[in-house]
PDB file of N, CA and C in Angstrom:
ATOM      1  N   MET A   1       0.845  -1.178   0.000  1.00  0.00           N
ATOM      2  CA  MET A   1       0.000   0.000   0.000  1.00  0.00           C
ATOM      3  C   MET A   1       0.890   1.241   0.000  1.00  0.00           C
ATOM      4  N   LYS A   2       0.591   2.163  -0.892  1.00  0.00           N
ATOM      5  CA  LYS A   2       1.397   3.373  -1.049  1.00  0.00           C
ATOM      6  C   LYS A   2       1.114   4.369   0.069  1.00  0.00           C
ATOM      7  N   LYS A   3       2.171   4.939   0.632  1.00  0.00           N
ATOM      8  CA  LYS A   3       2.030   6.001   1.623  1.00  0.00           C
ATOM      9  C   LYS A   3       2.414   7.318   0.960  1.00  0.00           C
ATOM     10  N   TYR A   4       1.502   8.276   0.974  1.00  0.00           N
ATOM     11  CA  TYR A   4       1.745   9.568   0.361  1.00  0.00           C
ATOM     12  C   TYR A   4       2.633  10.422   1.256  1.00  0.00           C
ATOM     13  N   LYS A   5       3.368  11.325   0.632  1.00  0.00           N
ATOM     14  CA  LYS A   5       4.161  12.298   1.379  1.00  0.00           C
ATOM     15  C   LYS A   5       3.201  13.321   1.975  1.00  0.00           C
ATOM     16  N   LEU A   6       3.662  14.001   2.987  1.00  0.00           N
ATOM     17  CA  LEU A   6       2.810  14.931   3.711  1.00  0.00           C
ATOM     18  C   LEU A   6       3.422  16.325   3.710  1.00  0.00           C
ATOM     19  N   ARG A   7       2.570  17.321   3.414  1.00  0.00           N
ATOM     20  CA  ARG A   7       3.015  18.715   3.459  1.00  0.00           C
ATOM     21  C   ARG A   7       1.917  19.534   4.137  1.00  0.00           C
ATOM     22  N   TYR A   8       2.314  20.352   5.109  1.00  0.00           N
ATOM     23  CA  TYR A   8       1.378  21.244   5.794  1.00  0.00           C
ATOM     24  C   TYR A   8       1.598  22.664   5.299  1.00  0.00           C
ATOM     25  N   LEU A   9       0.520  23.335   4.912  1.00  0.00           N
ATOM     26  CA  LEU A   9       0.632  24.743   4.545  1.00  0.00           C
ATOM     27  C   LEU A   9       0.588  25.611   5.799  1.00  0.00           C
ATOM     28  N   PRO A  10       1.188  26.797   5.748  1.00  0.00           N
ATOM     29  CA  PRO A  10       1.156  27.699   6.902  1.00  0.00           C
ATOM     30  C   PRO A  10      -0.259  28.038   7.367  1.00  0.00           C
ATOM     31  N   SER A  11      -1.214  28.106   6.453  1.00  0.00           N
ATOM     32  CA  SER A  11      -2.599  28.407   6.837  1.00  0.00           C
ATOM     33  C   SER A  11      -3.124  27.345   7.801  1.00  0.00           C
ATOM     34  N   PHE A  12      -2.856  26.075   7.526  1.00  0.00           N
ATOM     35  CA  PHE A  12      -3.285  24.997   8.415  1.00  0.00           C
ATOM     36  C   PHE A  12      -2.588  25.107   9.771  1.00  0.00           C
ATOM     37  N   ARG A  13      -1.289  25.278   9.740  1.00  0.00           N
ATOM     38  CA  ARG A  13      -0.517  25.366  10.991  1.00  0.00           C
ATOM     39  C   ARG A  13      -1.009  26.518  11.868  1.00  0.00           C
ATOM     40  N   ASP A  14      -1.264  27.661  11.252  1.00  0.00           N
ATOM     41  CA  ASP A  14      -1.721  28.830  11.999  1.00  0.00           C
ATOM     42  C   ASP A  14      -3.108  28.607  12.596  1.00  0.00           C
ATOM     43  N   GLU A  15      -4.024  28.048  11.801  1.00  0.00           N
ATOM     44  CA  GLU A  15      -5.388  27.809  12.283  1.00  0.00           C
ATOM     45  C   GLU A  15      -5.410  26.790  13.415  1.00  0.00           C
ATOM     46  N   LEU A  16      -4.640  25.724  13.276  1.00  0.00           N
ATOM     47  CA  LEU A  16      -4.575  24.721  14.326  1.00  0.00           C
ATOM     48  C   LEU A  16      -3.943  25.310  15.584  1.00  0.00           C
ATOM     49  N   ALA A  17      -2.877  26.060  15.433  1.00  0.00           N
ATOM     50  CA  ALA A  17      -2.215  26.676  16.588  1.00  0.00           C
ATOM     51  C   ALA A  17      -3.158  27.625  17.324  1.00  0.00           C
ATOM     52  N   ASP A  18      -3.961  28.372  16.585  1.00  0.00           N
ATOM     53  CA  ASP A  18      -4.926  29.283  17.216  1.00  0.00           C
ATOM     54  C   ASP A  18      -5.932  28.520  18.065  1.00  0.00           C
ATOM     55  N   VAL A  19      -6.443  27.422  17.543  1.00  0.00           N
ATOM     56  CA  VAL A  19      -7.425  26.627  18.285  1.00  0.00           C
ATOM     57  C   VAL A  19      -6.785  25.988  19.509  1.00  0.00           C
ATOM     58  N   ILE A  20      -5.595  25.445  19.349  1.00  0.00           N
ATOM     59  CA  ILE A  20      -4.893  24.827  20.475  1.00  0.00           C
ATOM     60  C   ILE A  20      -4.626  25.865  21.565  1.00  0.00           C
ATOM     61  N   GLN A  21      -4.180  27.030  21.170  1.00  0.00           N
ATOM     62  CA  GLN A  21      -3.921  28.102  22.132  1.00  0.00           C
ATOM     63  C   GLN A  21      -5.207  28.516  22.845  1.00  0.00           C
ATOM     64  N   TYR A  22      -6.293  28.643  22.094  1.00  0.00           N
ATOM     65  CA  TYR A  22      -7.577  29.009  22.683  1.00  0.00           C
ATOM     66  C   TYR A  22      -8.016  27.981  23.734  1.00  0.00           C
ATOM     67  N   LEU A  23      -7.933  26.707  23.382  1.00  0.00           N
ATOM     68  CA  LEU A  23      -8.326  25.659  24.317  1.00  0.00           C
ATOM     69  C   LEU A  23      -7.433  25.652  25.564  1.00  0.00           C
ATOM     70  N   LYS A  24      -6.151  25.769  25.318  1.00  0.00           N
ATOM     71  CA  LYS A  24      -5.183  25.627  26.401  1.00  0.00           C
ATOM     72  C   LYS A  24      -5.178  26.818  27.356  1.00  0.00           C
ATOM     73  N   TYR A  25      -5.188  28.031  26.800  1.00  0.00           N
ATOM     74  CA  TYR A  25      -5.009  29.213  27.639  1.00  0.00           C
ATOM     75  C   TYR A  25      -6.310  29.965  27.922  1.00  0.00           C
ATOM     76  N   ASP A  26      -7.135  30.179  26.918  1.00  0.00           N
ATOM     77  CA  ASP A  26      -8.376  30.923  27.140  1.00  0.00           C
ATOM     78  C   ASP A  26      -9.393  30.101  27.912  1.00  0.00           C
ATOM     79  N   LEU A  27      -9.512  28.831  27.571  1.00  0.00           N
ATOM     80  CA  LEU A  27     -10.465  27.958  28.264  1.00  0.00           C
ATOM     81  C   LEU A  27      -9.818  27.192  29.419  1.00  0.00           C
ATOM     82  N   CYS A  28      -8.506  27.378  29.576  1.00  0.00           N
ATOM     83  CA  CYS A  28      -7.753  26.700  30.656  1.00  0.00           C
ATOM     84  C   CYS A  28      -7.984  25.195  30.634  1.00  0.00           C
ATOM     85  N   ASN A  29      -7.891  24.623  29.436  1.00  0.00           N
ATOM     86  CA  ASN A  29      -8.146  23.197  29.284  1.00  0.00           C
ATOM     87  C   ASN A  29      -7.033  22.548  28.451  1.00  0.00           C
ATOM     88  N   PRO A  30      -5.848  22.386  29.048  1.00  0.00           N
ATOM     89  CA  PRO A  30      -4.736  21.799  28.286  1.00  0.00           C
ATOM     90  C   PRO A  30      -4.992  20.353  27.861  1.00  0.00           C
ATOM     91  N   GLU A  31      -5.821  19.630  28.623  1.00  0.00           N
ATOM     92  CA  GLU A  31      -6.130  18.247  28.253  1.00  0.00           C
ATOM     93  C   GLU A  31      -6.918  18.197  26.941  1.00  0.00           C
ATOM     94  N   ALA A  32      -7.873  19.117  26.781  1.00  0.00           N
ATOM     95  CA  ALA A  32      -8.648  19.168  25.533  1.00  0.00           C
ATOM     96  C   ALA A  32      -7.750  19.556  24.366  1.00  0.00           C
ATOM     97  N   ALA A  33      -6.823  20.473  24.601  1.00  0.00           N
ATOM     98  CA  ALA A  33      -5.900  20.882  23.543  1.00  0.00           C
ATOM     99  C   ALA A  33      -5.032  19.716  23.099  1.00  0.00           C
ATOM    100  N   GLU A  34      -4.508  18.988  24.064  1.00  0.00           N
ATOM    101  CA  GLU A  34      -3.667  17.839  23.736  1.00  0.00           C
ATOM    102  C   GLU A  34      -4.466  16.741  23.036  1.00  0.00           C
ATOM    103  N   SER A  35      -5.688  16.515  23.502  1.00  0.00           N
ATOM    104  CA  SER A  35      -6.546  15.511  22.885  1.00  0.00           C
ATOM    105  C   SER A  35      -6.859  15.864  21.432  1.00  0.00           C
ATOM    106  N   LEU A  36      -7.169  17.121  21.178  1.00  0.00           N
ATOM    107  CA  LEU A  36      -7.451  17.555  19.809  1.00  0.00           C
ATOM    108  C   LEU A  36      -6.220  17.400  18.928  1.00  0.00           C
ATOM    109  N   LEU A  37      -5.078  17.822  19.415  1.00  0.00           N
ATOM    110  CA  LEU A  37      -3.847  17.710  18.634  1.00  0.00           C
ATOM    111  C   LEU A  37      -3.525  16.253  18.310  1.00  0.00           C
ATOM    112  N   ASN A  38      -3.690  15.372  19.287  1.00  0.00           N
ATOM    113  CA  ASN A  38      -3.461  13.942  19.039  1.00  0.00           C
ATOM    114  C   ASN A  38      -4.450  13.393  18.015  1.00  0.00           C
ATOM    115  N   SER A  39      -5.694  13.805  18.116  1.00  0.00           N
ATOM    116  CA  SER A  39      -6.717  13.343  17.166  1.00  0.00           C
ATOM    117  C   SER A  39      -6.424  13.824  15.746  1.00  0.00           C
ATOM    118  N   VAL A  40      -5.974  15.056  15.621  1.00  0.00           N
ATOM    119  CA  VAL A  40      -5.612  15.601  14.303  1.00  0.00           C
ATOM    120  C   VAL A  40      -4.454  14.812  13.709  1.00  0.00           C
ATOM    121  N   ASN A  41      -3.412  14.605  14.493  1.00  0.00           N
ATOM    122  CA  ASN A  41      -2.248  13.857  13.994  1.00  0.00           C
ATOM    123  C   ASN A  41      -2.620  12.441  13.586  1.00  0.00           C
ATOM    124  N   GLU A  42      -3.429  11.798  14.386  1.00  0.00           N
ATOM    125  CA  GLU A  42      -3.858  10.428  14.077  1.00  0.00           C
ATOM    126  C   GLU A  42      -4.695  10.382  12.796  1.00  0.00           C
ATOM    127  N   ALA A  43      -5.623  11.315  12.656  1.00  0.00           N
ATOM    128  CA  ALA A  43      -6.489  11.337  11.472  1.00  0.00           C
ATOM    129  C   ALA A  43      -5.685  11.579  10.200  1.00  0.00           C
ATOM    130  N   VAL A  44      -4.756  12.502  10.262  1.00  0.00           N
ATOM    131  CA  VAL A  44      -3.935  12.807   9.082  1.00  0.00           C
ATOM    132  C   VAL A  44      -3.046  11.620   8.733  1.00  0.00           C
ATOM    133  N   ASN A  45      -2.404  11.041   9.725  1.00  0.00           N
ATOM    134  CA  ASN A  45      -1.514   9.902   9.455  1.00  0.00           C
ATOM    135  C   ASN A  45      -2.261   8.692   8.913  1.00  0.00           C
ATOM    136  N   CYS A  46      -3.461   8.466   9.387  1.00  0.00           N
ATOM    137  CA  CYS A  46      -4.269   7.353   8.855  1.00  0.00           C
ATOM    138  C   CYS A  46      -4.643   7.588   7.394  1.00  0.00           C
ATOM    139  N   ARG A  47      -4.897   8.831   7.042  1.00  0.00           N
ATOM    140  CA  ARG A  47      -5.339   9.174   5.690  1.00  0.00           C
ATOM    141  C   ARG A  47      -4.195   9.109   4.680  1.00  0.00           C
ATOM    142  N   LEU A  48      -2.945   9.102   5.134  1.00  0.00           N
ATOM    143  CA  LEU A  48      -1.798   9.079   4.213  1.00  0.00           C
ATOM    144  C   LEU A  48      -1.782   7.849   3.310  1.00  0.00           C
ATOM    145  N   PHE A  49      -2.416   6.785   3.728  1.00  0.00           N
ATOM    146  CA  PHE A  49      -2.434   5.563   2.926  1.00  0.00           C
ATOM    147  C   PHE A  49      -3.607   5.519   1.951  1.00  0.00           C
ATOM    148  N   MET A  50      -4.584   6.388   2.144  1.00  0.00           N
ATOM    149  CA  MET A  50      -5.762   6.388   1.270  1.00  0.00           C
ATOM    150  C   MET A  50      -6.389   7.786   1.209  1.00  0.00           C
ATOM    151  N   PRO A  51      -5.672   8.753   0.659  1.00  0.00           N
ATOM    152  CA  PRO A  51      -6.166  10.132   0.673  1.00  0.00           C
ATOM    153  C   PRO A  51      -7.423  10.364  -0.165  1.00  0.00           C
ATOM    154  N   PHE A  52      -7.677   9.518  -1.143  1.00  0.00           N
ATOM    155  CA  PHE A  52      -8.851   9.714  -1.993  1.00  0.00           C
ATOM    156  C   PHE A  52     -10.118   9.092  -1.398  1.00  0.00           C
ATOM    157  N   ALA A  53      -9.987   8.440  -0.243  1.00  0.00           N
ATOM    158  CA  ALA A  53     -11.141   7.806   0.389  1.00  0.00           C
ATOM    159  C   ALA A  53     -12.004   8.800   1.159  1.00  0.00           C
ATOM    160  N   ALA A  54     -11.534  10.002   1.324  1.00  0.00           N
ATOM    161  CA  ALA A  54     -12.296  11.023   2.060  1.00  0.00           C
ATOM    162  C   ALA A  54     -13.314  11.688   1.141  1.00  0.00           C
ATOM    163  N   GLU A  55     -14.220  12.401   1.754  1.00  0.00           N
ATOM    164  CA  GLU A  55     -15.260  13.113   1.014  1.00  0.00           C
ATOM    165  C   GLU A  55     -14.636  14.250   0.188  1.00  0.00           C
ATOM    166  N   ALA A  56     -14.965  14.315  -1.087  1.00  0.00           N
ATOM    167  CA  ALA A  56     -14.442  15.357  -1.967  1.00  0.00           C
ATOM    168  C   ALA A  56     -15.319  16.609  -1.877  1.00  0.00           C
ATOM    169  N   VAL A  57     -14.656  17.757  -1.971  1.00  0.00           N
ATOM    170  CA  VAL A  57     -15.348  19.048  -1.936  1.00  0.00           C
ATOM    171  C   VAL A  57     -14.883  19.832  -3.154  1.00  0.00           C
ATOM    172  N   HIS A  58     -15.824  20.250  -3.974  1.00  0.00           N
ATOM    173  CA  HIS A  58     -15.490  21.038  -5.161  1.00  0.00           C
ATOM    174  C   HIS A  58     -15.796  22.500  -4.869  1.00  0.00           C
ATOM    175  N   THR A  59     -14.874  23.374  -5.243  1.00  0.00           N
ATOM    176  CA  THR A  59     -15.075  24.807  -5.008  1.00  0.00           C
ATOM    177  C   THR A  59     -15.112  25.541  -6.336  1.00  0.00           C
ATOM    178  N   ASN A  60     -15.696  26.717  -6.314  1.00  0.00           N
ATOM    179  CA  ASN A  60     -15.755  27.545  -7.518  1.00  0.00           C
ATOM    180  C   ASN A  60     -14.533  28.437  -7.656  1.00  0.00           C
ATOM    181  N   LYS A  61     -13.869  28.713  -6.549  1.00  0.00           N
ATOM    182  CA  LYS A  61     -12.735  29.638  -6.566  1.00  0.00           C
ATOM    183  C   LYS A  61     -11.520  29.058  -7.266  1.00  0.00           C
ATOM    184  N   GLU A  62     -11.282  27.794  -7.088  1.00  0.00           N
ATOM    185  CA  GLU A  62     -10.125  27.133  -7.700  1.00  0.00           C
ATOM    186  C   GLU A  62     -10.606  25.871  -8.400  1.00  0.00           C
ATOM    187  N   HIS A  63      -9.837  25.434  -9.320  1.00  0.00           N
ATOM    188  CA  HIS A  63     -10.157  24.156  -9.967  1.00  0.00           C
ATOM    189  C   HIS A  63      -9.387  23.044  -9.275  1.00  0.00           C
ATOM    190  N   VAL A  64      -9.499  23.056  -7.959  1.00  0.00           N
ATOM    191  CA  VAL A  64      -8.820  22.083  -7.116  1.00  0.00           C
ATOM    192  C   VAL A  64      -9.875  21.309  -6.352  1.00  0.00           C
ATOM    193  N   VAL A  65      -9.671  20.021  -6.256  1.00  0.00           N
ATOM    194  CA  VAL A  65     -10.569  19.204  -5.441  1.00  0.00           C
ATOM    195  C   VAL A  65      -9.967  19.109  -4.045  1.00  0.00           C
ATOM    196  N   TYR A  66     -10.765  19.503  -3.075  1.00  0.00           N
ATOM    197  CA  TYR A  66     -10.374  19.362  -1.680  1.00  0.00           C
ATOM    198  C   TYR A  66     -11.016  18.098  -1.127  1.00  0.00           C
ATOM    199  N   TYR A  67     -10.361  17.530  -0.150  1.00  0.00           N
ATOM    200  CA  TYR A  67     -10.910  16.401   0.590  1.00  0.00           C
ATOM    201  C   TYR A  67     -10.990  16.826   2.044  1.00  0.00           C
ATOM    202  N   ARG A  68     -11.897  16.197   2.787  1.00  0.00           N
ATOM    203  CA  ARG A  68     -12.024  16.619   4.175  1.00  0.00           C
ATOM    204  C   ARG A  68     -12.006  15.442   5.135  1.00  0.00           C
ATOM    205  N   ILE A  69     -11.488  15.750   6.305  1.00  0.00           N
ATOM    206  CA  ILE A  69     -11.446  14.810   7.416  1.00  0.00           C
ATOM    207  C   ILE A  69     -12.094  15.517   8.597  1.00  0.00           C
ATOM    208  N   TYR A  70     -13.052  14.856   9.204  1.00  0.00           N
ATOM    209  CA  TYR A  70     -13.703  15.423  10.379  1.00  0.00           C
ATOM    210  C   TYR A  70     -12.976  14.960  11.639  1.00  0.00           C
ATOM    211  N   VAL A  71     -12.628  15.924  12.476  1.00  0.00           N
ATOM    212  CA  VAL A  71     -11.974  15.632  13.753  1.00  0.00           C
ATOM    213  C   VAL A  71     -12.670  16.462  14.821  1.00  0.00           C
ATOM    214  N   LYS A  72     -13.422  15.782  15.656  1.00  0.00           N
ATOM    215  CA  LYS A  72     -14.206  16.423  16.714  1.00  0.00           C
ATOM    216  C   LYS A  72     -15.084  17.502  16.088  1.00  0.00           C
ATOM    217  N   ASN A  73     -14.971  18.757  16.510  1.00  0.00           N
ATOM    218  CA  ASN A  73     -15.808  19.833  15.970  1.00  0.00           C
ATOM    219  C   ASN A  73     -15.142  20.573  14.812  1.00  0.00           C
ATOM    220  N   TYR A  74     -14.123  20.001  14.235  1.00  0.00           N
ATOM    221  CA  TYR A  74     -13.328  20.685  13.217  1.00  0.00           C
ATOM    222  C   TYR A  74     -13.232  19.827  11.955  1.00  0.00           C
ATOM    223  N   THR A  75     -12.850  20.496  10.877  1.00  0.00           N
ATOM    224  CA  THR A  75     -12.665  19.812   9.602  1.00  0.00           C
ATOM    225  C   THR A  75     -11.301  20.191   9.045  1.00  0.00           C
ATOM    226  N   ILE A  76     -10.578  19.182   8.608  1.00  0.00           N
ATOM    227  CA  ILE A  76      -9.286  19.365   7.953  1.00  0.00           C
ATOM    228  C   ILE A  76      -9.529  19.280   6.455  1.00  0.00           C
ATOM    229  N   TYR A  77      -9.044  20.259   5.711  1.00  0.00           N
ATOM    230  CA  TYR A  77      -9.158  20.262   4.253  1.00  0.00           C
ATOM    231  C   TYR A  77      -7.781  20.066   3.646  1.00  0.00           C
ATOM    232  N   TYR A  78      -7.711  19.178   2.660  1.00  0.00           N
ATOM    233  CA  TYR A  78      -6.443  18.901   2.005  1.00  0.00           C
ATOM    234  C   TYR A  78      -6.662  18.615   0.526  1.00  0.00           C
ATOM    235  N   THR A  79      -5.587  18.677  -0.218  1.00  0.00           N
ATOM    236  CA  THR A  79      -5.584  18.297  -1.629  1.00  0.00           C
ATOM    237  C   THR A  79      -4.523  17.211  -1.825  1.00  0.00           C
ATOM    238  N   VAL A  80      -4.607  16.565  -2.966  1.00  0.00           N
ATOM    239  CA  VAL A  80      -3.592  15.580  -3.321  1.00  0.00           C
ATOM    240  C   VAL A  80      -2.965  16.044  -4.629  1.00  0.00           C
ATOM    241  N   ILE A  81      -1.663  16.260  -4.580  1.00  0.00           N
ATOM    242  CA  ILE A  81      -0.907  16.707  -5.751  1.00  0.00           C
ATOM    243  C   ILE A  81       0.195  15.690  -5.997  1.00  0.00           C
ATOM    244  N   ASP A  82       0.046  14.942  -7.070  1.00  0.00           N
ATOM    245  CA  ASP A  82       0.964  13.846  -7.388  1.00  0.00           C
ATOM    246  C   ASP A  82       1.008  12.867  -6.217  1.00  0.00           C
ATOM    247  N   ASP A  83       2.156  12.744  -5.556  1.00  0.00           N
ATOM    248  CA  ASP A  83       2.260  11.800  -4.434  1.00  0.00           C
ATOM    249  C   ASP A  83       2.322  12.523  -3.084  1.00  0.00           C
ATOM    250  N   VAL A  84       1.785  13.752  -3.054  1.00  0.00           N
ATOM    251  CA  VAL A  84       1.818  14.566  -1.835  1.00  0.00           C
ATOM    252  C   VAL A  84       0.400  14.878  -1.374  1.00  0.00           C
ATOM    253  N   MET A  85       0.146  14.623  -0.116  1.00  0.00           N
ATOM    254  CA  MET A  85      -1.097  15.028   0.518  1.00  0.00           C
ATOM    255  C   MET A  85      -0.801  16.366   1.200  1.00  0.00           C
ATOM    256  N   GLU A  86      -1.404  17.424   0.666  1.00  0.00           N
ATOM    257  CA  GLU A  86      -1.118  18.783   1.141  1.00  0.00           C
ATOM    258  C   GLU A  86      -2.249  19.251   2.050  1.00  0.00           C
ATOM    259  N   ILE A  87      -1.955  19.390   3.324  1.00  0.00           N
ATOM    260  CA  ILE A  87      -2.942  19.795   4.325  1.00  0.00           C
ATOM    261  C   ILE A  87      -3.017  21.319   4.298  1.00  0.00           C
ATOM    262  N   ARG A  88      -4.217  21.844   3.983  1.00  0.00           N
ATOM    263  CA  ARG A  88      -4.336  23.283   3.759  1.00  0.00           C
ATOM    264  C   ARG A  88      -5.077  24.067   4.829  1.00  0.00           C
ATOM    265  N   ARG A  89      -6.169  23.518   5.348  1.00  0.00           N
ATOM    266  CA  ARG A  89      -7.006  24.314   6.255  1.00  0.00           C
ATOM    267  C   ARG A  89      -7.483  23.478   7.436  1.00  0.00           C
ATOM    268  N   PHE A  90      -7.719  24.174   8.553  1.00  0.00           N
ATOM    269  CA  PHE A  90      -8.290  23.588   9.765  1.00  0.00           C
ATOM    270  C   PHE A  90      -9.390  24.532  10.216  1.00  0.00           C
ATOM    271  N   VAL A  91     -10.641  24.097  10.060  1.00  0.00           N
ATOM    272  CA  VAL A  91     -11.775  25.008  10.189  1.00  0.00           C
ATOM    273  C   VAL A  91     -12.820  24.422  11.138  1.00  0.00           C
ATOM    274  N   TYR A  92     -13.418  25.291  11.943  1.00  0.00           N
ATOM    275  CA  TYR A  92     -14.540  24.877  12.780  1.00  0.00           C
ATOM    276  C   TYR A  92     -15.641  24.378  11.848  1.00  0.00           C
ATOM    277  N   SER A  93     -16.206  23.223  12.141  1.00  0.00           N
ATOM    278  CA  SER A  93     -17.113  22.539  11.211  1.00  0.00           C
ATOM    279  C   SER A  93     -18.391  23.298  10.883  1.00  0.00           C
ATOM    280  N   ARG A  94     -18.827  24.188  11.743  1.00  0.00           N
ATOM    281  CA  ARG A  94     -20.083  24.907  11.488  1.00  0.00           C
ATOM    282  C   ARG A  94     -19.893  26.180  10.660  1.00  0.00           C
ATOM    283  N   ARG A  95     -18.684  26.475  10.276  1.00  0.00           N
ATOM    284  CA  ARG A  95     -18.448  27.660   9.441  1.00  0.00           C
ATOM    285  C   ARG A  95     -18.865  27.371   7.998  1.00  0.00           C
ATOM    286  N   ASN A  96     -19.204  28.427   7.297  1.00  0.00           N
ATOM    287  CA  ASN A  96     -19.585  28.303   5.885  1.00  0.00           C
ATOM    288  C   ASN A  96     -18.315  28.162   5.057  1.00  0.00           C
ATOM    289  N   ILE A  97     -18.049  26.974   4.587  1.00  0.00           N
ATOM    290  CA  ILE A  97     -16.801  26.700   3.896  1.00  0.00           C
ATOM    291  C   ILE A  97     -16.707  27.392   2.543  1.00  0.00           C
ATOM    292  N   LYS A  98     -17.829  27.728   1.939  1.00  0.00           N
ATOM    293  CA  LYS A  98     -17.798  28.417   0.645  1.00  0.00           C
ATOM    294  C   LYS A  98     -17.128  29.768   0.750  1.00  0.00           C
ATOM    295  N   ASP A  99     -17.168  30.375   1.921  1.00  0.00           N
ATOM    296  CA  ASP A  99     -16.506  31.650   2.125  1.00  0.00           C
ATOM    297  C   ASP A  99     -15.027  31.499   2.405  1.00  0.00           C
ATOM    298  N   ILE A 100     -14.607  30.288   2.720  1.00  0.00           N
ATOM    299  CA  ILE A 100     -13.233  30.056   3.159  1.00  0.00           C
ATOM    300  C   ILE A 100     -12.348  29.461   2.062  1.00  0.00           C
ATOM    301  N   LEU A 101     -12.849  28.459   1.362  1.00  0.00           N
ATOM    302  CA  LEU A 101     -12.042  27.792   0.331  1.00  0.00           C
ATOM    303  C   LEU A 101     -12.098  28.527  -0.986  1.00  0.00           C
TER     304      LEU A 101
END
């Protein structure tokens, strides 16, 4: 089974860091922050072997197909370019994604 390479965009890193910081410091809940971070890492690593198995999302802004992974109350958006799974966004699941992607 092929394992895809992994690349994180700064937008994903920044969005995830903001949520982790909010959970850890604003809500004073470091356990929730650690749990979310572990869940994100696990979900992404599991998807590396089958990136096309996730739900596809088509946008009008770009001619790029995004795929999504649901993790707790958040959604990870990524694309697949050749043999690279590029993680692009980390968004609260109830947000209107059409305004974001």
